[in-house]
Structure formats: C-alpha cells, structure tokens
Amino acid sequence: MTEIYPSIAQCAIVATAFKILLFPAYKSTDFEVHRNWLAITNSLPIWEWYYEKTSEWTLDYPPFFAYFEWSLSQIAKLVDPAMLRVYNLGYDSWQTVYFQRFTVIATELMLVYALQLFVESSHGMSKRAAHAAAISILLSPGLLIIDHIHFQYNGAMYGVLILSLVLARHKSGLLASGFVFAALLCMKHIYLYLAPAYFVYLLRIYCLSPKSIFRIQFLNCLKLGSGILGIFGLAFGPFTIKNQMPQILSRLFPFSRGLCHAYWAPNVWAMYSFVDRVLIFVAPRLGLPVKMEAVNSVTRGLVGDTAFAVLPEITPRICFALTLIFQVIPLVKLFLRPYIQRPNSQSPDWNAFIGAVTLCGYSSFLFGWHVHEKAILLVIIPFSLIALNDRRYLSAFRPLAVSGHVSLFPLLFTPAEFPVKTVYTIFWLVLFLMVFDRTAPASKRPRFFLFDRFTILYITVSIPLIVYSSLLHQIIFGKSYEFLPLMFMSSYSAIGVVGSWIGFMVVYFTS
C-alpha cells in the first residue's frame, strides 16, 4: 500500500515546533510538583522518597515514575543544579522551565512510536482509518493542554498504554502486552481503572484454552504470573523489604480527599452536584431540609470539601460499588465472546478488548471517587483506536470528543492562554470530526436516529457555552457567582460523556 501523508513523523515534527513556542506559557502547580520530585529523587536516599514532606507536593506516584524522575534529575543537574534542592520551593528559573518543558516533548517519542506501531499493525482500508486516528491522538488538544501548558507527562505514559494495547492485537504479543501494562501500573496507578479488562482478556485468551474455559494452560499462567510479579517486585520490592508499603499506599490512595476534584470532573457526580445546587433554591418550597453548612461547599467544589445540601452524601463505598457494577457488565461479554469466529479458525477479538478497556475507563471516570478531569483521556484515547470501525462507533465518539476536551478548559484560566486552548481545540474538532466522518465506513446495523440528532444539538450548544463561560460571565457579573461557569461547563460536559457512554454501551452489545 502506498505511503499515507502526512506521516506520523511529519506531524510530530510540526507539533514539536508549535509546542516549543508554548515554553513561556502558563504553568500550573504541577510544574512545581515535578520539580520537587526531581529534587527528592536526586537529593535523598531512596528510603526517604515517600516520607519527605518539606513541600506540600509530596511524591504520590508509584516507584517506576520515581525512578523516571531520578533519571531525568541526572541530566537536570547539568542544566541548573539549583532546581534539585529540596528546600528551593517554587524555583522556576528559565533553565528549569525550559528543561522540564523539553523533557515532556522528548519523552513523548514513546507515543509517536506506539502510534506508528498501531498504524503498521492495521491492514487494507482500515490502515487509512488507523492513520487518521493516530494523528488525532498525536495532535490531541487534551495532551496539548495537560502536558505542554498545564504540565504533566501523560503523552509518554499513554504511549506505553497504546503499545500494550497494540501488542495485544495478536496472540503472539499477549505476554508482552501484559508485561508492558504491569510496568505502566508501576508508573501511574490511575491505569488501575483499566486493569479489569486486561485481567479478563489475558485470562480468557492466554491462560484458558480456546476450546474450553475449564482447561487451564498452566505454562502460560506461570509465564504471565511470574513476569508480572517480577515487574512489581522490581518496583515495590526494595520498599517492601524496608516495611514502607503502608506509607507508599497511603500516598497512592488518599481517600481522605473529597468526592469531587477542584474542577468538577464531568461525571455523574458533577450532575449530582448540579441537581443539589438547584434543589437549594427549590427545597424550601418542597419542604425539604437544607444543610446550610454544606451550601458553601457545593458552590466551591474544593478538594476535600464536597458536601451536599439536600441530596444524600456519597461515600467511597458507593462509588466503588457503582464502578464495579458497570465495569462487570461489558467484561461478562468479553469473557464469554473473546474470539472472532471464522470458517476454519478463530482469532482474538481485539475490538471487543479495546471496547471493554474503553468502557472500564468510562465507568471509573463517571462513578469514581475524587476523579480528576484529566482522567477523561483514559476514555478518549482508547476509544480513538476503534472510533472509525463504523459510523455507529463514530456517533458515540463525537459527543465524547467535544465534551471531554471542552471540560479541560478550566485548567487554563489565564487570559493569555484563552485563544490557544479555544482556537486549537475548535480547529482540532472541526478537522478531525470531518475527516472521521468521511473515513468511517457505513455500519451493517442500523444507526440511532435520536442519538445522531442529540450529537448535532450537543455540539451546537458548545460554542455559546464556551463564549459565556470564558468571556461573557465576567463581563456581566464581574467577580460574583464565580462558581457558575465551572458548574455550567462541568454539567454540560457531563451530559456529553454520559450520553456517549450510553451510546457506546448499546454499540458494544449489539456489535
């Protein structure tokens, strides 16, 4: 097949040039978080990494990410040794800023490699669709906003995730896929949200016989289990020997934080909070009690300060139960029907696996406890790999693409970044939704008329909402009712994510 242009490498070069222009842009507290982690891992013995608390931004990622920070610190000390002093809080010399910005771009090569592998593993007409999906991920406004302005290293880690997903495409790569995903969990534990899909898929395809679920392939179980234990041993073993696991776990899973993050993630709890806010005004007329001490909490949505004035409180157990229930539903299908049946053979149903990974991401995002708005990429990026399977998949993907990226806008609240986030995101949405619309093949099953109309209406509403939340509200109300734009944006985005989830659930179970 002839080469498809523009190539991923060409897009990566152009994107890099644009990202370099953003080096002086706004940076969040996450920039200081990672500078502090560079200092901790470089200046202190390994046994003190998870106890150090000079800064409020303590190390709360798994050990492989700490090792990653340590490796970066070996180069950082050649650039500006002052950034590696633990007590040098808030240090941001231009050398430090440019070094940290550059490391995000350099480590994003993992994403470029994984996307290239994804395209090469596709064949025929699906290769062109895979190419379009790969470029959409590479140029994602989500990664641009979160990594290259706000500041994090998501691009590199999503590269590892995509590599793991692509390796699972063929039976020969299943073992390596499991190992790569295990290593990813030891870098950032948020990917635990997707682990149930991996467990079911590897169990059914690699550990159990294709002919019967009651026939166990013991050698495969031994190889997979010992390899994963070895990877976790490399990550956590040294800390286990020193009896530091309770301390590490307390850092990784801080359940003392509140239900909603500082910027309400667009999930079920954002809608729940919105309804509670409305009921504050309606409750007196309905004779419902209002907890006045909770009124300020629901207007601010601060970390650890989420309380409801009218509706019942939500506990971590409720979140866990709902997440588990809605993850199990698609996993049952994956376990019972993991293969594509052909006349003389059968092969792993990779699309069903990616669908299950996506739905696990949906469930965790929609019902999880203290979900970060940035976690929406756990849904968008896996879904992108299969969004062009046919037009029914694309119909479910469209509202997610709009709502997921628009929900990230509150992360960048400075005026200078408003044109960048708005123009870039709108341009990306118009370009790729048009390309996707022309690339996705027709479905063999009927599409949902009402859902298609919902998508069109939903996208239409996004433009005036962005204008109001970003510009008009401040002109009309000044500094009053500061919670309104955030509440409107989160609730609007939550409707899109929930609608997309319901739509994809229908597609998944009828495909």
Protein backbone atom coordinates (compact mmCIF):
# COMPACT_ATOMS: atom_id res chain seq x y z
CA MET A 1 0.00 0.00 0.00
CA THR A 2 1.32 3.49 -0.83
CA GLU A 3 2.56 5.75 1.93
CA ILE A 4 -0.14 7.85 3.61
CA TYR A 5 0.59 11.55 4.03
CA PRO A 6 1.16 13.41 6.20
CA SER A 7 3.14 10.76 8.04
CA ILE A 8 3.12 10.50 11.81
CA ALA A 9 6.76 11.60 11.92
CA GLN A 10 5.99 14.71 9.87
CA CYS A 11 3.09 15.61 12.14
CA ALA A 12 5.28 15.05 15.20
CA ILE A 13 7.92 17.47 13.88
CA VAL A 14 5.39 20.21 13.16
CA ALA A 15 3.69 19.65 16.53
CA THR A 16 7.04 19.86 18.31
CA ALA A 17 7.77 23.24 16.74
CA PHE A 18 4.39 24.53 17.96
CA LYS A 19 4.93 23.10 21.46
CA ILE A 20 8.33 24.82 21.74
CA LEU A 21 6.54 28.14 21.18
CA LEU A 22 4.48 27.35 24.29
CA PHE A 23 7.52 27.09 26.61
CA PRO A 24 6.85 30.52 28.21
CA ALA A 25 3.12 29.80 28.60
CA TYR A 26 1.20 29.43 31.86
CA LYS A 27 2.25 26.52 34.04
CA SER A 28 0.24 25.03 36.88
CA THR A 29 1.33 23.85 40.32
CA ASP A 30 2.07 20.50 38.65
CA PHE A 31 5.25 22.12 37.33
CA GLU A 32 6.45 22.65 40.91
CA VAL A 33 5.22 19.15 41.79
CA HIS A 34 7.57 17.57 39.25
CA ARG A 35 10.45 19.93 40.08
CA ASN A 36 10.09 18.88 43.70
CA TRP A 37 10.11 15.20 42.70
CA LEU A 38 13.29 15.78 40.71
CA ALA A 39 14.83 17.26 43.86
CA ILE A 40 13.58 14.48 46.16
CA THR A 41 14.81 11.61 43.99
CA ASN A 42 18.17 13.27 43.31
CA SER A 43 18.97 14.62 46.77
CA LEU A 44 17.64 11.98 49.16
CA PRO A 45 18.22 8.25 49.71
CA ILE A 46 15.53 6.06 48.13
CA TRP A 47 14.18 5.13 51.58
CA GLU A 48 13.24 8.76 52.25
CA TRP A 49 11.42 9.45 48.97
CA TYR A 50 7.93 8.60 50.24
CA TYR A 51 8.44 10.26 53.66
CA GLU A 52 9.78 13.63 52.50
CA LYS A 53 7.20 16.39 53.08
CA THR A 54 9.05 19.71 53.05
CA SER A 55 6.80 20.70 50.17
CA GLU A 56 3.06 20.09 50.18
CA TRP A 57 3.59 18.39 46.80
CA THR A 58 4.80 15.08 48.17
CA LEU A 59 5.73 12.11 45.97
CA ASP A 60 2.49 10.20 45.31
CA TYR A 61 3.21 8.20 42.16
CA PRO A 62 4.43 4.57 42.10
CA PRO A 63 8.17 3.74 42.17
CA PHE A 64 8.77 3.38 38.42
CA PHE A 65 7.75 7.01 37.96
CA ALA A 66 10.04 7.95 40.84
CA TYR A 67 12.87 6.12 39.06
CA PHE A 68 11.91 8.02 35.90
CA GLU A 69 12.21 11.33 37.80
CA TRP A 70 15.58 10.21 39.17
CA SER A 71 16.86 9.53 35.65
CA LEU A 72 15.74 12.98 34.50
CA SER A 73 17.46 14.53 37.52
CA GLN A 74 20.81 13.17 36.33
CA ILE A 75 20.51 15.47 33.31
CA ALA A 76 18.84 18.28 35.27
CA LYS A 77 21.91 18.77 37.48
CA LEU A 78 23.89 19.64 34.35
CA VAL A 79 21.32 22.28 33.36
CA ASP A 80 20.62 24.03 36.69
CA PRO A 81 21.65 22.30 39.96
CA ALA A 82 19.51 24.74 41.97
CA MET A 83 16.31 23.04 40.78
CA LEU A 84 17.39 19.89 42.63
CA ARG A 85 17.43 21.43 46.11
CA VAL A 86 14.51 20.14 48.18
CA TYR A 87 14.16 23.40 50.12
CA ASN A 88 14.20 25.55 46.97
CA LEU A 89 10.40 25.70 46.85
CA GLY A 90 8.78 27.39 43.87
CA TYR A 91 12.07 27.62 41.98
CA ASP A 92 11.43 28.33 38.29
CA SER A 93 14.48 29.76 36.55
CA TRP A 94 14.19 29.87 32.77
CA GLN A 95 16.66 26.96 32.57
CA THR A 96 14.39 24.91 34.84
CA VAL A 97 11.25 25.79 32.88
CA TYR A 98 12.79 25.04 29.51
CA PHE A 99 14.39 21.81 30.73
CA GLN A 100 11.14 20.45 32.14
CA ARG A 101 9.16 21.53 29.09
CA PHE A 102 11.71 19.84 26.82
CA THR A 103 11.56 16.56 28.77
CA VAL A 104 7.81 16.36 28.11
CA ILE A 105 8.43 16.66 24.36
CA ALA A 106 11.35 14.21 24.39
CA THR A 107 9.53 11.51 26.34
CA GLU A 108 6.52 11.89 24.03
CA LEU A 109 8.57 9.96 21.45
CA MET A 110 7.12 6.87 23.15
CA LEU A 111 3.68 7.99 21.97
CA VAL A 112 4.96 8.55 18.42
CA TYR A 113 6.48 5.06 18.35
CA ALA A 114 3.34 3.37 19.71
CA LEU A 115 1.07 5.17 17.25
CA GLN A 116 3.32 4.20 14.34
CA LEU A 117 3.16 0.58 15.52
CA PHE A 118 -0.64 0.83 15.71
CA VAL A 119 -0.87 2.02 12.09
CA GLU A 120 1.55 -0.65 10.86
CA SER A 121 -0.46 -3.37 12.60
CA SER A 122 -3.54 -2.35 10.61
CA HIS A 123 -4.15 -3.57 7.06
CA GLY A 124 -6.20 -2.71 4.00
CA MET A 125 -8.71 0.13 4.20
CA SER A 126 -8.52 0.06 8.00
CA LYS A 127 -4.93 1.32 7.75
CA ARG A 128 -6.10 4.70 6.48
CA ALA A 129 -8.60 4.90 9.33
CA ALA A 130 -5.88 3.88 11.83
CA HIS A 131 -3.62 6.60 10.42
CA ALA A 132 -6.31 9.25 10.93
CA ALA A 133 -6.98 8.05 14.48
CA ALA A 134 -3.24 8.01 15.28
CA ILE A 135 -2.71 11.59 14.11
CA SER A 136 -5.78 12.73 16.07
CA ILE A 137 -4.22 11.31 19.24
CA LEU A 138 -0.78 12.76 18.48
CA LEU A 139 -2.27 16.23 17.97
CA SER A 140 -4.83 15.86 20.78
CA PRO A 141 -5.81 19.17 22.40
CA GLY A 142 -6.12 17.22 25.65
CA LEU A 143 -2.44 16.32 25.62
CA LEU A 144 -1.52 19.84 24.50
CA ILE A 145 -3.46 21.45 27.35
CA ILE A 146 -2.49 19.00 30.08
CA ASP A 147 1.13 18.25 29.18
CA HIS A 148 2.54 21.18 27.25
CA ILE A 149 0.80 24.07 29.03
CA HIS A 150 -0.59 22.85 32.36
CA PHE A 151 2.38 20.43 32.66
CA GLN A 152 2.46 16.65 33.07
CA TYR A 153 3.94 13.59 31.33
CA ASN A 154 0.76 11.94 30.05
CA GLY A 155 1.94 11.64 26.45
CA ALA A 156 4.75 9.25 27.36
CA MET A 157 2.51 7.10 29.55
CA TYR A 158 -0.31 6.94 27.02
CA GLY A 159 2.35 5.84 24.58
CA VAL A 160 3.11 2.91 26.88
CA LEU A 161 -0.62 2.16 27.15
CA ILE A 162 -1.10 2.17 23.36
CA LEU A 163 1.98 -0.01 22.95
CA SER A 164 0.45 -2.52 25.34
CA LEU A 165 -2.91 -2.40 23.53
CA VAL A 166 -1.28 -2.90 20.12
CA LEU A 167 0.78 -5.86 21.37
CA ALA A 168 -2.49 -7.49 22.46
CA ARG A 169 -3.73 -7.41 18.87
CA HIS A 170 -2.16 -10.78 18.10
CA LYS A 171 -1.82 -13.86 20.25
CA SER A 172 1.97 -13.79 19.94
CA GLY A 173 2.09 -10.42 21.69
CA LEU A 174 -0.22 -11.14 24.62
CA LEU A 175 2.54 -11.94 27.10
CA ALA A 176 4.48 -8.78 26.24
CA SER A 177 1.24 -6.78 26.42
CA GLY A 178 0.65 -7.95 29.99
CA PHE A 179 4.22 -7.10 31.00
CA VAL A 180 4.09 -3.62 29.45
CA PHE A 181 0.78 -2.86 31.18
CA ALA A 182 2.18 -4.09 34.51
CA ALA A 183 5.12 -1.70 34.09
CA LEU A 184 2.65 1.11 33.31
CA LEU A 185 0.76 0.42 36.56
CA CYS A 186 4.07 0.82 38.38
CA MET A 187 4.45 4.25 36.78
CA LYS A 188 0.97 5.69 37.34
CA HIS A 189 -1.68 3.88 39.31
CA ILE A 190 -4.59 5.66 37.61
CA TYR A 191 -4.37 2.96 34.94
CA LEU A 192 -5.74 0.51 37.50
CA TYR A 193 -9.10 1.71 36.18
CA LEU A 194 -8.38 -0.27 33.00
CA ALA A 195 -6.86 -3.33 34.69
CA PRO A 196 -10.10 -5.39 34.91
CA ALA A 197 -10.34 -5.50 31.09
CA TYR A 198 -6.73 -6.66 30.84
CA PHE A 199 -7.31 -9.31 33.50
CA VAL A 200 -10.36 -10.78 31.76
CA TYR A 201 -8.84 -10.65 28.28
CA LEU A 202 -5.49 -12.22 29.24
CA LEU A 203 -7.21 -14.81 31.41
CA ARG A 204 -9.59 -15.85 28.65
CA ILE A 205 -7.24 -15.67 25.65
CA TYR A 206 -3.85 -16.53 27.16
CA CYS A 207 -4.49 -18.56 30.29
CA LEU A 208 -7.56 -20.61 29.33
CA SER A 209 -7.95 -22.94 26.37
CA PRO A 210 -9.86 -21.58 23.34
CA LYS A 211 -11.86 -24.82 23.33
CA SER A 212 -12.99 -24.77 26.96
CA ILE A 213 -12.81 -22.33 29.86
CA PHE A 214 -12.30 -25.34 32.15
CA ARG A 215 -8.97 -26.23 30.53
CA ILE A 216 -6.18 -24.15 32.06
CA GLN A 217 -2.94 -23.53 30.16
CA PHE A 218 -0.66 -23.81 33.17
CA LEU A 219 2.58 -22.89 31.40
CA ASN A 220 1.07 -19.66 30.11
CA CYS A 221 -0.28 -18.86 33.57
CA LEU A 222 3.18 -19.45 35.04
CA LYS A 223 4.90 -17.21 32.48
CA LEU A 224 2.39 -14.39 32.83
CA GLY A 225 2.12 -14.56 36.62
CA SER A 226 5.86 -14.81 37.29
CA GLY A 227 6.63 -12.00 34.85
CA ILE A 228 4.08 -9.63 36.39
CA LEU A 229 5.24 -10.50 39.91
CA GLY A 230 8.81 -9.83 38.81
CA ILE A 231 7.88 -6.38 37.47
CA PHE A 232 6.02 -5.45 40.66
CA GLY A 233 8.95 -6.85 42.63
CA LEU A 234 11.36 -4.52 40.83
CA ALA A 235 9.10 -1.56 41.57
CA PHE A 236 7.98 -2.22 45.13
CA GLY A 237 10.43 -4.88 46.36
CA PRO A 238 13.05 -2.52 47.86
CA PHE A 239 10.32 -0.65 49.78
CA THR A 240 8.72 -3.89 50.96
CA ILE A 241 11.99 -5.03 52.48
CA LYS A 242 12.09 -1.78 54.47
CA ASN A 243 8.43 -2.17 55.54
CA GLN A 244 7.46 1.03 53.73
CA MET A 245 4.46 -0.30 51.82
CA PRO A 246 1.85 1.17 54.22
CA GLN A 247 3.43 4.60 53.72
CA ILE A 248 3.50 4.23 49.93
CA LEU A 249 -0.11 3.04 49.83
CA SER A 250 -1.21 6.00 51.95
CA ARG A 251 0.39 8.29 49.36
CA LEU A 252 -1.05 6.48 46.34
CA PHE A 253 -4.62 6.17 47.67
CA PRO A 254 -5.52 9.27 49.74
CA PHE A 255 -9.19 8.53 50.40
CA SER A 256 -9.38 11.47 52.79
CA ARG A 257 -9.90 13.70 49.74
CA GLY A 258 -13.41 14.68 48.76
CA LEU A 259 -15.77 13.23 46.18
CA CYS A 260 -15.20 15.95 43.58
CA HIS A 261 -11.87 17.38 42.47
CA ALA A 262 -11.24 21.14 42.50
CA TYR A 263 -12.58 21.43 38.94
CA TRP A 264 -15.62 19.17 38.87
CA ALA A 265 -14.79 16.33 36.50
CA PRO A 266 -17.66 15.95 34.00
CA ASN A 267 -19.09 12.78 35.50
CA VAL A 268 -22.23 11.60 37.27
CA TRP A 269 -21.21 13.41 40.45
CA ALA A 270 -20.97 16.74 38.60
CA MET A 271 -24.59 16.25 37.51
CA TYR A 272 -25.47 15.16 41.06
CA SER A 273 -23.82 18.34 42.41
CA PHE A 274 -25.68 20.47 39.87
CA VAL A 275 -29.04 18.96 40.87
CA ASP A 276 -28.17 19.54 44.54
CA ARG A 277 -27.35 23.17 43.76
CA VAL A 278 -30.72 23.65 42.05
CA LEU A 279 -32.53 21.96 44.94
CA ILE A 280 -31.09 24.51 47.38
CA PHE A 281 -33.48 27.06 45.85
CA VAL A 282 -36.37 24.66 45.32
CA ALA A 283 -36.17 22.69 48.60
CA PRO A 284 -37.90 25.28 50.86
CA ARG A 285 -40.96 25.24 48.57
CA LEU A 286 -41.00 21.44 48.63
CA GLY A 287 -40.50 21.24 52.38
CA LEU A 288 -37.09 19.55 52.05
CA PRO A 289 -34.41 20.21 54.68
CA VAL A 290 -31.29 22.15 53.60
CA LYS A 291 -27.93 21.74 55.37
CA MET A 292 -26.68 25.33 55.44
CA GLU A 293 -23.13 24.31 56.35
CA ALA A 294 -22.90 22.49 53.03
CA VAL A 295 -24.08 25.39 50.86
CA ASN A 296 -20.64 26.99 50.54
CA SER A 297 -19.06 23.64 49.80
CA VAL A 298 -21.17 22.88 46.77
CA THR A 299 -20.51 26.30 45.29
CA ARG A 300 -16.75 25.97 45.52
CA GLY A 301 -16.11 22.28 44.88
CA LEU A 302 -12.81 22.43 46.75
CA VAL A 303 -10.66 19.36 47.30
CA GLY A 304 -11.80 17.51 50.40
CA ASP A 305 -14.74 19.90 50.81
CA THR A 306 -17.58 18.29 48.86
CA ALA A 307 -20.81 18.10 50.83
CA PHE A 308 -24.41 18.12 49.63
CA ALA A 309 -27.04 20.45 50.98
CA VAL A 310 -30.17 18.49 50.01
CA LEU A 311 -29.22 15.18 48.36
CA PRO A 312 -27.73 12.26 50.34
CA GLU A 313 -23.96 12.17 50.82
CA ILE A 314 -21.90 9.91 48.57
CA THR A 315 -19.31 7.61 50.16
CA PRO A 316 -16.26 5.89 48.64
CA ARG A 317 -18.08 2.54 49.00
CA ILE A 318 -20.97 3.77 46.84
CA CYS A 319 -18.51 4.95 44.18
CA PHE A 320 -16.64 1.64 44.27
CA ALA A 321 -19.83 -0.41 44.02
CA LEU A 322 -21.20 1.57 41.06
CA THR A 323 -17.85 1.50 39.27
CA LEU A 324 -17.56 -2.26 39.75
CA ILE A 325 -21.12 -2.96 38.58
CA PHE A 326 -20.76 -1.01 35.36
CA GLN A 327 -17.34 -2.48 34.65
CA VAL A 328 -18.54 -6.05 35.12
CA ILE A 329 -21.34 -5.67 32.53
CA PRO A 330 -19.05 -5.35 29.46
CA LEU A 331 -16.47 -7.71 30.97
CA VAL A 332 -19.03 -10.52 31.00
CA LYS A 333 -19.38 -10.18 27.23
CA LEU A 334 -15.60 -10.05 26.79
CA PHE A 335 -15.19 -13.24 28.82
CA LEU A 336 -17.95 -15.14 27.01
CA ARG A 337 -17.13 -13.95 23.48
CA PRO A 338 -13.39 -13.13 23.28
CA TYR A 339 -12.86 -14.57 19.79
CA ILE A 340 -13.86 -13.72 16.23
CA GLN A 341 -15.18 -16.90 14.69
CA ARG A 342 -14.12 -17.70 11.11
CA PRO A 343 -15.00 -20.76 8.97
CA ASN A 344 -11.74 -22.60 9.72
CA SER A 345 -10.23 -20.64 12.60
CA GLN A 346 -10.74 -18.12 15.36
CA SER A 347 -8.70 -15.13 16.46
CA PRO A 348 -8.79 -12.80 19.47
CA ASP A 349 -11.45 -10.10 19.16
CA TRP A 350 -9.20 -7.09 19.64
CA ASN A 351 -12.02 -4.62 19.01
CA ALA A 352 -14.03 -6.20 21.84
CA PHE A 353 -10.99 -5.88 24.10
CA ILE A 354 -10.45 -2.19 23.27
CA GLY A 355 -14.18 -1.64 23.76
CA ALA A 356 -14.00 -3.23 27.20
CA VAL A 357 -10.95 -1.12 28.10
CA THR A 358 -12.86 1.98 27.00
CA LEU A 359 -15.97 1.05 28.99
CA CYS A 360 -13.85 0.36 32.08
CA GLY A 361 -12.43 3.85 31.65
CA TYR A 362 -15.95 5.27 31.29
CA SER A 363 -17.21 3.54 34.44
CA SER A 364 -14.26 4.64 36.55
CA PHE A 365 -14.47 8.21 35.30
CA LEU A 366 -18.23 8.51 35.67
CA PHE A 367 -18.63 6.87 39.09
CA GLY A 368 -15.17 7.04 40.71
CA TRP A 369 -14.19 8.86 43.89
CA HIS A 370 -12.22 12.12 43.57
CA VAL A 371 -11.83 11.79 39.80
CA HIS A 372 -9.54 14.30 38.10
CA GLU A 373 -10.91 15.99 34.99
CA LYS A 374 -7.68 14.97 33.24
CA ALA A 375 -8.69 11.31 33.59
CA ILE A 376 -11.09 11.74 30.65
CA LEU A 377 -8.13 10.86 28.43
CA LEU A 378 -8.42 7.31 29.82
CA VAL A 379 -11.62 7.12 27.79
CA ILE A 380 -10.85 9.29 24.77
CA ILE A 381 -7.53 7.72 23.79
CA PRO A 382 -8.55 4.01 23.81
CA PHE A 383 -11.86 4.90 22.15
CA SER A 384 -9.98 6.75 19.39
CA LEU A 385 -8.36 3.47 18.32
CA ILE A 386 -11.76 1.98 17.37
CA ALA A 387 -13.86 5.11 16.72
CA LEU A 388 -13.59 4.57 12.97
CA ASN A 389 -14.74 0.93 12.99
CA ASP A 390 -18.02 2.15 11.52
CA ARG A 391 -20.40 5.08 11.76
CA ARG A 392 -22.17 3.78 14.87
CA TYR A 393 -18.89 3.86 16.78
CA LEU A 394 -18.25 7.36 15.45
CA SER A 395 -21.70 8.55 16.57
CA ALA A 396 -20.88 7.53 20.14
CA PHE A 397 -17.40 9.07 19.92
CA ARG A 398 -18.41 12.55 18.73
CA PRO A 399 -20.04 13.86 21.95
CA LEU A 400 -17.14 12.41 23.96
CA ALA A 401 -14.59 14.22 21.80
CA VAL A 402 -16.39 17.52 22.30
CA SER A 403 -17.29 17.21 25.99
CA GLY A 404 -14.01 15.61 27.05
CA HIS A 405 -11.84 18.34 25.56
CA VAL A 406 -14.10 21.27 26.48
CA SER A 407 -14.13 20.04 30.09
CA LEU A 408 -10.37 20.67 30.26
CA PHE A 409 -10.72 24.40 29.57
CA PRO A 410 -10.97 25.41 33.27
CA LEU A 411 -7.42 24.06 33.74
CA LEU A 412 -6.19 27.10 31.80
CA PHE A 413 -7.86 30.15 33.30
CA THR A 414 -5.36 32.86 32.33
CA PRO A 415 -6.38 35.29 29.53
CA ALA A 416 -3.19 34.72 27.52
CA GLU A 417 -3.97 31.01 27.06
CA PHE A 418 -7.65 31.51 26.13
CA PRO A 419 -7.02 31.92 22.37
CA VAL A 420 -4.64 28.95 22.31
CA LYS A 421 -6.94 26.46 24.03
CA THR A 422 -10.09 27.67 22.26
CA VAL A 423 -8.82 28.06 18.70
CA TYR A 424 -6.70 24.91 18.80
CA THR A 425 -9.48 22.74 20.25
CA ILE A 426 -12.14 24.02 17.85
CA PHE A 427 -9.78 23.58 14.90
CA TRP A 428 -8.97 20.02 16.02
CA LEU A 429 -12.66 19.16 16.48
CA VAL A 430 -13.71 20.57 13.10
CA LEU A 431 -10.78 18.96 11.24
CA PHE A 432 -10.86 15.50 12.74
CA LEU A 433 -14.61 15.11 13.06
CA MET A 434 -14.85 15.96 9.35
CA VAL A 435 -12.03 13.53 8.47
CA PHE A 436 -13.57 10.85 10.67
CA ASP A 437 -16.97 11.39 9.10
CA ARG A 438 -15.50 10.79 5.62
CA THR A 439 -13.34 7.85 6.72
CA ALA A 440 -15.68 5.76 8.88
CA PRO A 441 -17.44 3.06 6.83
CA ALA A 442 -21.18 2.54 6.91
CA SER A 443 -22.46 0.23 9.62
CA LYS A 444 -24.04 -3.12 8.81
CA ARG A 445 -26.52 -2.42 11.61
CA PRO A 446 -28.99 0.50 11.73
CA ARG A 447 -27.84 3.71 13.40
CA PHE A 448 -29.76 5.51 16.13
CA PHE A 449 -31.65 8.45 14.68
CA LEU A 450 -32.30 10.16 18.03
CA PHE A 451 -28.69 9.71 19.16
CA ASP A 452 -27.39 11.28 15.94
CA ARG A 453 -29.69 14.27 16.49
CA PHE A 454 -28.57 14.52 20.12
CA THR A 455 -24.95 14.70 18.93
CA ILE A 456 -25.69 17.53 16.47
CA LEU A 457 -27.61 19.53 19.09
CA TYR A 458 -24.95 18.89 21.72
CA ILE A 459 -22.10 20.12 19.51
CA THR A 460 -24.13 23.21 18.53
CA VAL A 461 -24.59 24.23 22.17
CA SER A 462 -20.87 24.02 22.92
CA ILE A 463 -19.90 27.26 21.13
CA PRO A 464 -22.18 29.70 23.03
CA LEU A 465 -21.38 27.91 26.29
CA ILE A 466 -17.63 28.38 25.77
CA VAL A 467 -18.14 32.05 24.92
CA TYR A 468 -20.30 32.63 28.01
CA SER A 469 -18.09 30.74 30.46
CA SER A 470 -14.82 32.23 29.18
CA LEU A 471 -15.85 35.80 28.34
CA LEU A 472 -19.43 36.95 28.91
CA HIS A 473 -19.81 35.82 32.53
CA GLN A 474 -17.01 38.05 33.75
CA ILE A 475 -18.33 40.99 31.73
CA ILE A 476 -21.88 40.56 33.09
CA PHE A 477 -21.25 39.51 36.71
CA GLY A 478 -17.65 40.53 37.37
CA LYS A 479 -16.35 38.51 40.32
CA SER A 480 -19.82 37.50 41.50
CA TYR A 481 -21.13 33.94 41.07
CA GLU A 482 -17.68 32.62 40.20
CA PHE A 483 -18.93 29.05 40.54
CA LEU A 484 -21.46 29.38 37.68
CA PRO A 485 -19.14 29.00 34.64
CA LEU A 486 -17.48 25.96 36.18
CA MET A 487 -20.82 24.41 37.11
CA PHE A 488 -22.28 25.01 33.66
CA MET A 489 -19.17 23.71 31.89
CA SER A 490 -18.92 20.58 34.07
CA SER A 491 -22.63 19.79 33.86
CA TYR A 492 -22.73 20.33 30.11
CA SER A 493 -19.65 18.17 29.61
CA ALA A 494 -21.07 15.50 31.93
CA ILE A 495 -24.19 15.23 29.75
CA GLY A 496 -21.96 14.61 26.74
CA VAL A 497 -19.81 12.00 28.49
CA VAL A 498 -22.83 10.16 29.92
CA GLY A 499 -24.65 10.29 26.58
CA SER A 500 -21.57 8.97 24.80
CA TRP A 501 -21.22 6.18 27.38
CA ILE A 502 -24.82 5.06 26.95
CA GLY A 503 -24.48 5.19 23.18
CA PHE A 504 -21.28 3.15 23.19
CA MET A 505 -22.74 0.58 25.59
CA VAL A 506 -25.51 -0.02 23.05
CA VAL A 507 -22.99 -0.26 20.20
CA TYR A 508 -20.76 -2.63 22.17
CA PHE A 509 -23.54 -5.07 22.99
CA THR A 510 -25.14 -5.01 19.54
CA SER A 511 -21.93 -5.38 17.53
